[in-house]
Amino acid sequence: MIFFLIGQSSGQGNPIMGLLPLILIFVVFYFLLILPQQRKQKKHQQLVADLQKGDRVVTSSGIHGTITNIKDHTITLLIADGVKIELEKGHITNKLNPSGS
């Protein structure tokens, strides 16, 4: 009978304390993984929205070129004399300075 009473008293605790480690892990993941990824995504969306004809850009595959035409979802890049390619706007990763560096 004594063991039964001891088991009951030690089994009851604050249920919030059981969830606290889980909540803490979620908060850490949010600040270390989710929030920086959202900021990076917003920055990329702004970069894509600000693209203009004549901008020098770099694609995700490392191709450097100059924008010659912009459509709703695609752009046309001039990558060499007379060589143009059309690709999705989302594949632009960087906009270069006018000096080309």
PDB file of N, CA and C in Angstrom:
ATOM      1  N   MET A   1       0.813  -1.185   0.000  1.00  0.00           N
ATOM      2  CA  MET A   1       0.000   0.000   0.000  1.00  0.00           C
ATOM      3  C   MET A   1       0.863   1.257   0.000  1.00  0.00           C
ATOM      4  N   ILE A   2       1.955   1.230   0.667  1.00  0.00           N
ATOM      5  CA  ILE A   2       2.847   2.379   0.699  1.00  0.00           C
ATOM      6  C   ILE A   2       3.440   2.627  -0.682  1.00  0.00           C
ATOM      7  N   PHE A   3       3.790   1.549  -1.394  1.00  0.00           N
ATOM      8  CA  PHE A   3       4.348   1.708  -2.731  1.00  0.00           C
ATOM      9  C   PHE A   3       3.336   2.336  -3.670  1.00  0.00           C
ATOM     10  N   PHE A   4       2.060   2.015  -3.491  1.00  0.00           N
ATOM     11  CA  PHE A   4       1.012   2.560  -4.338  1.00  0.00           C
ATOM     12  C   PHE A   4       0.894   4.064  -4.136  1.00  0.00           C
ATOM     13  N   LEU A   5       0.967   4.527  -2.918  1.00  0.00           N
ATOM     14  CA  LEU A   5       0.855   5.949  -2.634  1.00  0.00           C
ATOM     15  C   LEU A   5       2.091   6.705  -3.114  1.00  0.00           C
ATOM     16  N   ILE A   6       3.251   6.117  -2.981  1.00  0.00           N
ATOM     17  CA  ILE A   6       4.472   6.767  -3.450  1.00  0.00           C
ATOM     18  C   ILE A   6       4.444   6.889  -4.966  1.00  0.00           C
ATOM     19  N   GLY A   7       3.976   5.879  -5.658  1.00  0.00           N
ATOM     20  CA  GLY A   7       3.894   5.901  -7.116  1.00  0.00           C
ATOM     21  C   GLY A   7       2.938   6.975  -7.615  1.00  0.00           C
ATOM     22  N   GLN A   8       1.854   7.162  -6.902  1.00  0.00           N
ATOM     23  CA  GLN A   8       0.887   8.174  -7.315  1.00  0.00           C
ATOM     24  C   GLN A   8       1.434   9.577  -7.153  1.00  0.00           C
ATOM     25  N   SER A   9       2.069   9.831  -6.066  1.00  0.00           N
ATOM     26  CA  SER A   9       2.540  11.193  -5.801  1.00  0.00           C
ATOM     27  C   SER A   9       3.686  11.585  -6.737  1.00  0.00           C
ATOM     28  N   SER A  10       4.544  10.634  -7.112  1.00  0.00           N
ATOM     29  CA  SER A  10       5.651  10.981  -7.999  1.00  0.00           C
ATOM     30  C   SER A  10       5.204  11.035  -9.457  1.00  0.00           C
ATOM     31  N   GLY A  11       4.095  10.415  -9.832  1.00  0.00           N
ATOM     32  CA  GLY A  11       3.611  10.386 -11.208  1.00  0.00           C
ATOM     33  C   GLY A  11       2.895  11.672 -11.598  1.00  0.00           C
ATOM     34  N   GLN A  12       2.448  12.408 -10.629  1.00  0.00           N
ATOM     35  CA  GLN A  12       1.730  13.639 -10.938  1.00  0.00           C
ATOM     36  C   GLN A  12       2.703  14.799 -10.934  1.00  0.00           C
ATOM     37  N   GLY A  13       2.737  15.474 -12.065  1.00  0.00           N
ATOM     38  CA  GLY A  13       3.597  16.645 -12.169  1.00  0.00           C
ATOM     39  C   GLY A  13       2.905  17.665 -13.039  1.00  0.00           C
ATOM     40  N   ASN A  14       3.558  18.724 -13.253  1.00  0.00           N
ATOM     41  CA  ASN A  14       3.006  19.774 -14.090  1.00  0.00           C
ATOM     42  C   ASN A  14       3.094  19.330 -15.554  1.00  0.00           C
ATOM     43  N   PRO A  15       1.977  19.235 -16.269  1.00  0.00           N
ATOM     44  CA  PRO A  15       2.032  18.790 -17.666  1.00  0.00           C
ATOM     45  C   PRO A  15       2.779  19.778 -18.570  1.00  0.00           C
ATOM     46  N   ILE A  16       2.832  21.008 -18.191  1.00  0.00           N
ATOM     47  CA  ILE A  16       3.570  22.016 -18.973  1.00  0.00           C
ATOM     48  C   ILE A  16       5.070  21.704 -18.947  1.00  0.00           C
ATOM     49  N   MET A  17       5.552  21.188 -17.829  1.00  0.00           N
ATOM     50  CA  MET A  17       6.985  20.866 -17.721  1.00  0.00           C
ATOM     51  C   MET A  17       7.354  19.738 -18.684  1.00  0.00           C
ATOM     52  N   GLY A  18       6.409  18.857 -19.001  1.00  0.00           N
ATOM     53  CA  GLY A  18       6.664  17.788 -19.959  1.00  0.00           C
ATOM     54  C   GLY A  18       6.752  18.316 -21.385  1.00  0.00           C
ATOM     55  N   LEU A  19       6.036  19.381 -21.680  1.00  0.00           N
ATOM     56  CA  LEU A  19       6.039  19.973 -23.018  1.00  0.00           C
ATOM     57  C   LEU A  19       7.136  21.025 -23.196  1.00  0.00           C
ATOM     58  N   LEU A  20       7.694  21.488 -22.114  1.00  0.00           N
ATOM     59  CA  LEU A  20       8.692  22.560 -22.174  1.00  0.00           C
ATOM     60  C   LEU A  20       9.896  22.225 -23.075  1.00  0.00           C
ATOM     61  N   PRO A  21      10.488  21.042 -22.990  1.00  0.00           N
ATOM     62  CA  PRO A  21      11.607  20.742 -23.892  1.00  0.00           C
ATOM     63  C   PRO A  21      11.199  20.749 -25.369  1.00  0.00           C
ATOM     64  N   LEU A  22      10.004  20.262 -25.651  1.00  0.00           N
ATOM     65  CA  LEU A  22       9.515  20.256 -27.023  1.00  0.00           C
ATOM     66  C   LEU A  22       9.300  21.675 -27.544  1.00  0.00           C
ATOM     67  N   ILE A  23       8.737  22.529 -26.720  1.00  0.00           N
ATOM     68  CA  ILE A  23       8.533  23.928 -27.096  1.00  0.00           C
ATOM     69  C   ILE A  23       9.868  24.627 -27.286  1.00  0.00           C
ATOM     70  N   LEU A  24      10.804  24.362 -26.415  1.00  0.00           N
ATOM     71  CA  LEU A  24      12.133  24.962 -26.516  1.00  0.00           C
ATOM     72  C   LEU A  24      12.841  24.535 -27.802  1.00  0.00           C
ATOM     73  N   ILE A  25      12.722  23.270 -28.171  1.00  0.00           N
ATOM     74  CA  ILE A  25      13.328  22.782 -29.415  1.00  0.00           C
ATOM     75  C   ILE A  25      12.703  23.484 -30.615  1.00  0.00           C
ATOM     76  N   PHE A  26      11.378  23.643 -30.616  1.00  0.00           N
ATOM     77  CA  PHE A  26      10.710  24.334 -31.720  1.00  0.00           C
ATOM     78  C   PHE A  26      11.184  25.779 -31.838  1.00  0.00           C
ATOM     79  N   VAL A  27      11.317  26.475 -30.715  1.00  0.00           N
ATOM     80  CA  VAL A  27      11.776  27.872 -30.738  1.00  0.00           C
ATOM     81  C   VAL A  27      13.193  27.962 -31.298  1.00  0.00           C
ATOM     82  N   VAL A  28      14.070  27.073 -30.890  1.00  0.00           N
ATOM     83  CA  VAL A  28      15.443  27.071 -31.398  1.00  0.00           C
ATOM     84  C   VAL A  28      15.452  26.799 -32.898  1.00  0.00           C
ATOM     85  N   PHE A  29      14.685  25.819 -33.364  1.00  0.00           N
ATOM     86  CA  PHE A  29      14.607  25.524 -34.795  1.00  0.00           C
ATOM     87  C   PHE A  29      14.066  26.716 -35.577  1.00  0.00           C
ATOM     88  N   TYR A  30      13.085  27.404 -35.004  1.00  0.00           N
ATOM     89  CA  TYR A  30      12.509  28.554 -35.691  1.00  0.00           C
ATOM     90  C   TYR A  30      13.562  29.640 -35.906  1.00  0.00           C
ATOM     91  N   PHE A  31      14.302  29.971 -34.873  1.00  0.00           N
ATOM     92  CA  PHE A  31      15.279  31.055 -34.987  1.00  0.00           C
ATOM     93  C   PHE A  31      16.537  30.655 -35.751  1.00  0.00           C
ATOM     94  N   LEU A  32      16.905  29.383 -35.728  1.00  0.00           N
ATOM     95  CA  LEU A  32      18.126  28.957 -36.419  1.00  0.00           C
ATOM     96  C   LEU A  32      17.894  28.482 -37.848  1.00  0.00           C
ATOM     97  N   LEU A  33      16.715  27.972 -38.162  1.00  0.00           N
ATOM     98  CA  LEU A  33      16.477  27.403 -39.488  1.00  0.00           C
ATOM     99  C   LEU A  33      15.381  28.112 -40.271  1.00  0.00           C
ATOM    100  N   ILE A  34      14.215  28.256 -39.692  1.00  0.00           N
ATOM    101  CA  ILE A  34      13.060  28.747 -40.432  1.00  0.00           C
ATOM    102  C   ILE A  34      13.162  30.237 -40.731  1.00  0.00           C
ATOM    103  N   LEU A  35      13.442  31.057 -39.754  1.00  0.00           N
ATOM    104  CA  LEU A  35      13.500  32.508 -39.943  1.00  0.00           C
ATOM    105  C   LEU A  35      14.577  32.930 -40.942  1.00  0.00           C
ATOM    106  N   PRO A  36      15.815  32.418 -40.862  1.00  0.00           N
ATOM    107  CA  PRO A  36      16.809  32.800 -41.875  1.00  0.00           C
ATOM    108  C   PRO A  36      16.411  32.359 -43.285  1.00  0.00           C
ATOM    109  N   GLN A  37      15.772  31.201 -43.417  1.00  0.00           N
ATOM    110  CA  GLN A  37      15.338  30.741 -44.739  1.00  0.00           C
ATOM    111  C   GLN A  37      14.259  31.652 -45.300  1.00  0.00           C
ATOM    112  N   GLN A  38      13.335  32.123 -44.464  1.00  0.00           N
ATOM    113  CA  GLN A  38      12.295  33.040 -44.920  1.00  0.00           C
ATOM    114  C   GLN A  38      12.908  34.364 -45.354  1.00  0.00           C
ATOM    115  N   ARG A  39      13.890  34.850 -44.622  1.00  0.00           N
ATOM    116  CA  ARG A  39      14.561  36.104 -45.005  1.00  0.00           C
ATOM    117  C   ARG A  39      15.285  35.956 -46.338  1.00  0.00           C
ATOM    118  N   LYS A  40      15.944  34.828 -46.527  1.00  0.00           N
ATOM    119  CA  LYS A  40      16.658  34.574 -47.777  1.00  0.00           C
ATOM    120  C   LYS A  40      15.673  34.495 -48.942  1.00  0.00           C
ATOM    121  N   GLN A  41      14.539  33.861 -48.733  1.00  0.00           N
ATOM    122  CA  GLN A  41      13.531  33.733 -49.782  1.00  0.00           C
ATOM    123  C   GLN A  41      12.950  35.103 -50.147  1.00  0.00           C
ATOM    124  N   LYS A  42      12.676  35.944 -49.167  1.00  0.00           N
ATOM    125  CA  LYS A  42      12.158  37.287 -49.446  1.00  0.00           C
ATOM    126  C   LYS A  42      13.181  38.121 -50.206  1.00  0.00           C
ATOM    127  N   LYS A  43      14.454  37.994 -49.834  1.00  0.00           N
ATOM    128  CA  LYS A  43      15.517  38.731 -50.520  1.00  0.00           C
ATOM    129  C   LYS A  43      15.622  38.289 -51.982  1.00  0.00           C
ATOM    130  N   HIS A  44      15.497  36.979 -52.242  1.00  0.00           N
ATOM    131  CA  HIS A  44      15.562  36.465 -53.611  1.00  0.00           C
ATOM    132  C   HIS A  44      14.350  36.932 -54.418  1.00  0.00           C
ATOM    133  N   GLN A  45      13.168  36.923 -53.818  1.00  0.00           N
ATOM    134  CA  GLN A  45      11.969  37.398 -54.503  1.00  0.00           C
ATOM    135  C   GLN A  45      12.104  38.865 -54.871  1.00  0.00           C
ATOM    136  N   GLN A  46      12.703  39.662 -53.990  1.00  0.00           N
ATOM    137  CA  GLN A  46      12.913  41.080 -54.275  1.00  0.00           C
ATOM    138  C   GLN A  46      13.912  41.246 -55.416  1.00  0.00           C
ATOM    139  N   LEU A  47      14.967  40.439 -55.421  1.00  0.00           N
ATOM    140  CA  LEU A  47      15.957  40.476 -56.498  1.00  0.00           C
ATOM    141  C   LEU A  47      15.294  40.175 -57.836  1.00  0.00           C
ATOM    142  N   VAL A  48      14.475  39.148 -57.881  1.00  0.00           N
ATOM    143  CA  VAL A  48      13.799  38.759 -59.124  1.00  0.00           C
ATOM    144  C   VAL A  48      12.814  39.846 -59.562  1.00  0.00           C
ATOM    145  N   ALA A  49      12.119  40.445 -58.612  1.00  0.00           N
ATOM    146  CA  ALA A  49      11.146  41.486 -58.944  1.00  0.00           C
ATOM    147  C   ALA A  49      11.824  42.747 -59.483  1.00  0.00           C
ATOM    148  N   ASP A  50      13.051  43.012 -59.051  1.00  0.00           N
ATOM    149  CA  ASP A  50      13.761  44.233 -59.454  1.00  0.00           C
ATOM    150  C   ASP A  50      14.574  44.082 -60.740  1.00  0.00           C
ATOM    151  N   LEU A  51      14.531  42.920 -61.378  1.00  0.00           N
ATOM    152  CA  LEU A  51      15.312  42.719 -62.597  1.00  0.00           C
ATOM    153  C   LEU A  51      14.810  43.628 -63.716  1.00  0.00           C
ATOM    154  N   GLN A  52      15.767  44.190 -64.463  1.00  0.00           N
ATOM    155  CA  GLN A  52      15.440  45.072 -65.572  1.00  0.00           C
ATOM    156  C   GLN A  52      16.259  44.686 -66.791  1.00  0.00           C
ATOM    157  N   LYS A  53      15.788  45.109 -67.929  1.00  0.00           N
ATOM    158  CA  LYS A  53      16.500  44.876 -69.179  1.00  0.00           C
ATOM    159  C   LYS A  53      17.873  45.554 -69.089  1.00  0.00           C
ATOM    160  N   GLY A  54      18.915  44.836 -69.475  1.00  0.00           N
ATOM    161  CA  GLY A  54      20.266  45.381 -69.441  1.00  0.00           C
ATOM    162  C   GLY A  54      21.066  45.009 -68.200  1.00  0.00           C
ATOM    163  N   ASP A  55      20.411  44.427 -67.201  1.00  0.00           N
ATOM    164  CA  ASP A  55      21.124  44.015 -65.981  1.00  0.00           C
ATOM    165  C   ASP A  55      22.032  42.822 -66.277  1.00  0.00           C
ATOM    166  N   ARG A  56      23.227  42.830 -65.662  1.00  0.00           N
ATOM    167  CA  ARG A  56      24.141  41.681 -65.740  1.00  0.00           C
ATOM    168  C   ARG A  56      23.807  40.782 -64.557  1.00  0.00           C
ATOM    169  N   VAL A  57      23.571  39.494 -64.851  1.00  0.00           N
ATOM    170  CA  VAL A  57      23.150  38.558 -63.815  1.00  0.00           C
ATOM    171  C   VAL A  57      23.934  37.256 -63.905  1.00  0.00           C
ATOM    172  N   VAL A  58      23.818  36.458 -62.835  1.00  0.00           N
ATOM    173  CA  VAL A  58      24.396  35.121 -62.779  1.00  0.00           C
ATOM    174  C   VAL A  58      23.259  34.156 -62.495  1.00  0.00           C
ATOM    175  N   THR A  59      23.212  33.042 -63.230  1.00  0.00           N
ATOM    176  CA  THR A  59      22.181  32.037 -63.010  1.00  0.00           C
ATOM    177  C   THR A  59      22.633  31.029 -61.963  1.00  0.00           C
ATOM    178  N   SER A  60      21.720  30.160 -61.558  1.00  0.00           N
ATOM    179  CA  SER A  60      22.050  29.139 -60.566  1.00  0.00           C
ATOM    180  C   SER A  60      23.075  28.138 -61.089  1.00  0.00           C
ATOM    181  N   SER A  61      23.210  28.024 -62.407  1.00  0.00           N
ATOM    182  CA  SER A  61      24.210  27.116 -62.980  1.00  0.00           C
ATOM    183  C   SER A  61      25.535  27.816 -63.247  1.00  0.00           C
ATOM    184  N   GLY A  62      25.628  29.098 -62.900  1.00  0.00           N
ATOM    185  CA  GLY A  62      26.889  29.825 -63.029  1.00  0.00           C
ATOM    186  C   GLY A  62      27.060  30.550 -64.346  1.00  0.00           C
ATOM    187  N   ILE A  63      26.022  30.647 -65.159  1.00  0.00           N
ATOM    188  CA  ILE A  63      26.112  31.344 -66.440  1.00  0.00           C
ATOM    189  C   ILE A  63      25.943  32.837 -66.209  1.00  0.00           C
ATOM    190  N   HIS A  64      26.879  33.614 -66.748  1.00  0.00           N
ATOM    191  CA  HIS A  64      26.808  35.076 -66.676  1.00  0.00           C
ATOM    192  C   HIS A  64      26.192  35.582 -67.967  1.00  0.00           C
ATOM    193  N   GLY A  65      25.330  36.582 -67.853  1.00  0.00           N
ATOM    194  CA  GLY A  65      24.723  37.127 -69.057  1.00  0.00           C
ATOM    195  C   GLY A  65      24.044  38.452 -68.790  1.00  0.00           C
ATOM    196  N   THR A  66      23.555  39.055 -69.874  1.00  0.00           N
ATOM    197  CA  THR A  66      22.846  40.321 -69.810  1.00  0.00           C
ATOM    198  C   THR A  66      21.397  40.089 -70.204  1.00  0.00           C
ATOM    199  N   ILE A  67      20.480  40.634 -69.437  1.00  0.00           N
ATOM    200  CA  ILE A  67      19.059  40.453 -69.716  1.00  0.00           C
ATOM    201  C   ILE A  67      18.688  41.265 -70.952  1.00  0.00           C
ATOM    202  N   THR A  68      18.075  40.594 -71.926  1.00  0.00           N
ATOM    203  CA  THR A  68      17.634  41.285 -73.132  1.00  0.00           C
ATOM    204  C   THR A  68      16.119  41.371 -73.229  1.00  0.00           C
ATOM    205  N   ASN A  69      15.401  40.480 -72.536  1.00  0.00           N
ATOM    206  CA  ASN A  69      13.943  40.484 -72.594  1.00  0.00           C
ATOM    207  C   ASN A  69      13.404  39.888 -71.299  1.00  0.00           C
ATOM    208  N   ILE A  70      12.312  40.463 -70.801  1.00  0.00           N
ATOM    209  CA  ILE A  70      11.676  39.968 -69.579  1.00  0.00           C
ATOM    210  C   ILE A  70      10.218  39.685 -69.879  1.00  0.00           C
ATOM    211  N   LYS A  71       9.777  38.467 -69.557  1.00  0.00           N
ATOM    212  CA  LYS A  71       8.371  38.073 -69.681  1.00  0.00           C
ATOM    213  C   LYS A  71       7.837  37.811 -68.278  1.00  0.00           C
ATOM    214  N   ASP A  72       6.622  37.276 -68.196  1.00  0.00           N
ATOM    215  CA  ASP A  72       6.007  37.033 -66.886  1.00  0.00           C
ATOM    216  C   ASP A  72       6.839  36.104 -66.012  1.00  0.00           C
ATOM    217  N   HIS A  73       7.216  34.949 -66.544  1.00  0.00           N
ATOM    218  CA  HIS A  73       7.919  33.954 -65.744  1.00  0.00           C
ATOM    219  C   HIS A  73       9.316  33.636 -66.267  1.00  0.00           C
ATOM    220  N   THR A  74       9.676  34.179 -67.417  1.00  0.00           N
ATOM    221  CA  THR A  74      10.974  33.867 -68.015  1.00  0.00           C
ATOM    222  C   THR A  74      11.716  35.140 -68.386  1.00  0.00           C
ATOM    223  N   ILE A  75      13.011  34.974 -68.568  1.00  0.00           N
ATOM    224  CA  ILE A  75      13.848  36.067 -69.072  1.00  0.00           C
ATOM    225  C   ILE A  75      14.723  35.505 -70.187  1.00  0.00           C
ATOM    226  N   THR A  76      15.200  36.393 -71.043  1.00  0.00           N
ATOM    227  CA  THR A  76      16.124  36.012 -72.094  1.00  0.00           C
ATOM    228  C   THR A  76      17.466  36.645 -71.774  1.00  0.00           C
ATOM    229  N   LEU A  77      18.510  35.815 -71.769  1.00  0.00           N
ATOM    230  CA  LEU A  77      19.861  36.280 -71.467  1.00  0.00           C
ATOM    231  C   LEU A  77      20.722  36.228 -72.721  1.00  0.00           C
ATOM    232  N   LEU A  78      21.505  37.266 -72.913  1.00  0.00           N
ATOM    233  CA  LEU A  78      22.535  37.271 -73.948  1.00  0.00           C
ATOM    234  C   LEU A  78      23.820  36.834 -73.260  1.00  0.00           C
ATOM    235  N   ILE A  79      24.333  35.646 -73.626  1.00  0.00           N
ATOM    236  CA  ILE A  79      25.510  35.123 -72.935  1.00  0.00           C
ATOM    237  C   ILE A  79      26.775  35.234 -73.783  1.00  0.00           C
ATOM    238  N   ALA A  80      26.622  35.458 -75.081  1.00  0.00           N
ATOM    239  CA  ALA A  80      27.747  35.683 -75.989  1.00  0.00           C
ATOM    240  C   ALA A  80      27.176  36.392 -77.216  1.00  0.00           C
ATOM    241  N   ASP A  81      28.025  36.828 -78.122  1.00  0.00           N
ATOM    242  CA  ASP A  81      27.544  37.510 -79.322  1.00  0.00           C
ATOM    243  C   ASP A  81      26.615  36.589 -80.096  1.00  0.00           C
ATOM    244  N   GLY A  82      25.349  36.975 -80.181  1.00  0.00           N
ATOM    245  CA  GLY A  82      24.367  36.202 -80.929  1.00  0.00           C
ATOM    246  C   GLY A  82      23.854  34.954 -80.233  1.00  0.00           C
ATOM    247  N   VAL A  83      24.244  34.715 -78.989  1.00  0.00           N
ATOM    248  CA  VAL A  83      23.791  33.526 -78.256  1.00  0.00           C
ATOM    249  C   VAL A  83      22.860  33.975 -77.133  1.00  0.00           C
ATOM    250  N   LYS A  84      21.582  33.601 -77.277  1.00  0.00           N
ATOM    251  CA  LYS A  84      20.581  33.959 -76.272  1.00  0.00           C
ATOM    252  C   LYS A  84      19.967  32.679 -75.714  1.00  0.00           C
ATOM    253  N   ILE A  85      19.674  32.712 -74.432  1.00  0.00           N
ATOM    254  CA  ILE A  85      18.975  31.593 -73.795  1.00  0.00           C
ATOM    255  C   ILE A  85      17.784  32.151 -73.023  1.00  0.00           C
ATOM    256  N   GLU A  86      16.753  31.340 -72.915  1.00  0.00           N
ATOM    257  CA  GLU A  86      15.575  31.727 -72.146  1.00  0.00           C
ATOM    258  C   GLU A  86      15.481  30.810 -70.935  1.00  0.00           C
ATOM    259  N   LEU A  87      15.275  31.398 -69.767  1.00  0.00           N
ATOM    260  CA  LEU A  87      15.185  30.598 -68.554  1.00  0.00           C
ATOM    261  C   LEU A  87      14.217  31.214 -67.577  1.00  0.00           C
ATOM    262  N   GLU A  88      13.840  30.428 -66.577  1.00  0.00           N
ATOM    263  CA  GLU A  88      12.929  30.877 -65.535  1.00  0.00           C
ATOM    264  C   GLU A  88      13.584  31.969 -64.691  1.00  0.00           C
ATOM    265  N   LYS A  89      12.777  32.921 -64.252  1.00  0.00           N
ATOM    266  CA  LYS A  89      13.300  34.014 -63.423  1.00  0.00           C
ATOM    267  C   LYS A  89      13.892  33.504 -62.113  1.00  0.00           C
ATOM    268  N   GLY A  90      13.337  32.444 -61.572  1.00  0.00           N
ATOM    269  CA  GLY A  90      13.792  31.920 -60.289  1.00  0.00           C
ATOM    270  C   GLY A  90      15.216  31.399 -60.309  1.00  0.00           C
ATOM    271  N   HIS A  91      15.784  31.181 -61.492  1.00  0.00           N
ATOM    272  CA  HIS A  91      17.144  30.668 -61.594  1.00  0.00           C
ATOM    273  C   HIS A  91      18.198  31.763 -61.563  1.00  0.00           C
ATOM    274  N   ILE A  92      17.778  33.012 -61.441  1.00  0.00           N
ATOM    275  CA  ILE A  92      18.730  34.104 -61.275  1.00  0.00           C
ATOM    276  C   ILE A  92      19.121  34.141 -59.803  1.00  0.00           C
ATOM    277  N   THR A  93      20.423  34.055 -59.542  1.00  0.00           N
ATOM    278  CA  THR A  93      20.875  34.031 -58.154  1.00  0.00           C
ATOM    279  C   THR A  93      21.564  35.309 -57.715  1.00  0.00           C
ATOM    280  N   ASN A  94      22.079  36.082 -58.674  1.00  0.00           N
ATOM    281  CA  ASN A  94      22.838  37.256 -58.296  1.00  0.00           C
ATOM    282  C   ASN A  94      22.771  38.289 -59.403  1.00  0.00           C
ATOM    283  N   LYS A  95      22.753  39.537 -59.014  1.00  0.00           N
ATOM    284  CA  LYS A  95      22.792  40.645 -59.952  1.00  0.00           C
ATOM    285  C   LYS A  95      24.163  41.297 -59.789  1.00  0.00           C
ATOM    286  N   LEU A  96      24.893  41.420 -60.895  1.00  0.00           N
ATOM    287  CA  LEU A  96      26.244  41.959 -60.839  1.00  0.00           C
ATOM    288  C   LEU A  96      26.235  43.471 -60.937  1.00  0.00           C
ATOM    289  N   ASN A  97      27.311  44.074 -60.444  1.00  0.00           N
ATOM    290  CA  ASN A  97      27.474  45.524 -60.559  1.00  0.00           C
ATOM    291  C   ASN A  97      27.669  45.878 -62.032  1.00  0.00           C
ATOM    292  N   PRO A  98      27.361  47.114 -62.414  1.00  0.00           N
ATOM    293  CA  PRO A  98      27.553  47.516 -63.800  1.00  0.00           C
ATOM    294  C   PRO A  98      28.988  47.342 -64.300  1.00  0.00           C
ATOM    295  N   SER A  99      29.950  47.355 -63.399  1.00  0.00           N
ATOM    296  CA  SER A  99      31.338  47.197 -63.821  1.00  0.00           C
ATOM    297  C   SER A  99      31.663  45.746 -64.181  1.00  0.00           C
ATOM    298  N   GLY A 100      30.730  44.801 -63.827  1.00  0.00           N
ATOM    299  CA  GLY A 100      30.911  43.391 -64.169  1.00  0.00           C
ATOM    300  C   GLY A 100      31.640  42.590 -63.125  1.00  0.00           C
ATOM    301  N   SER A 101      31.898  43.139 -61.970  1.00  0.00           N
ATOM    302  CA  SER A 101      32.596  42.402 -60.912  1.00  0.00           C
ATOM    303  C   SER A 101      31.648  41.802 -59.921  1.00  0.00           C
TER     304      SER A 101
END
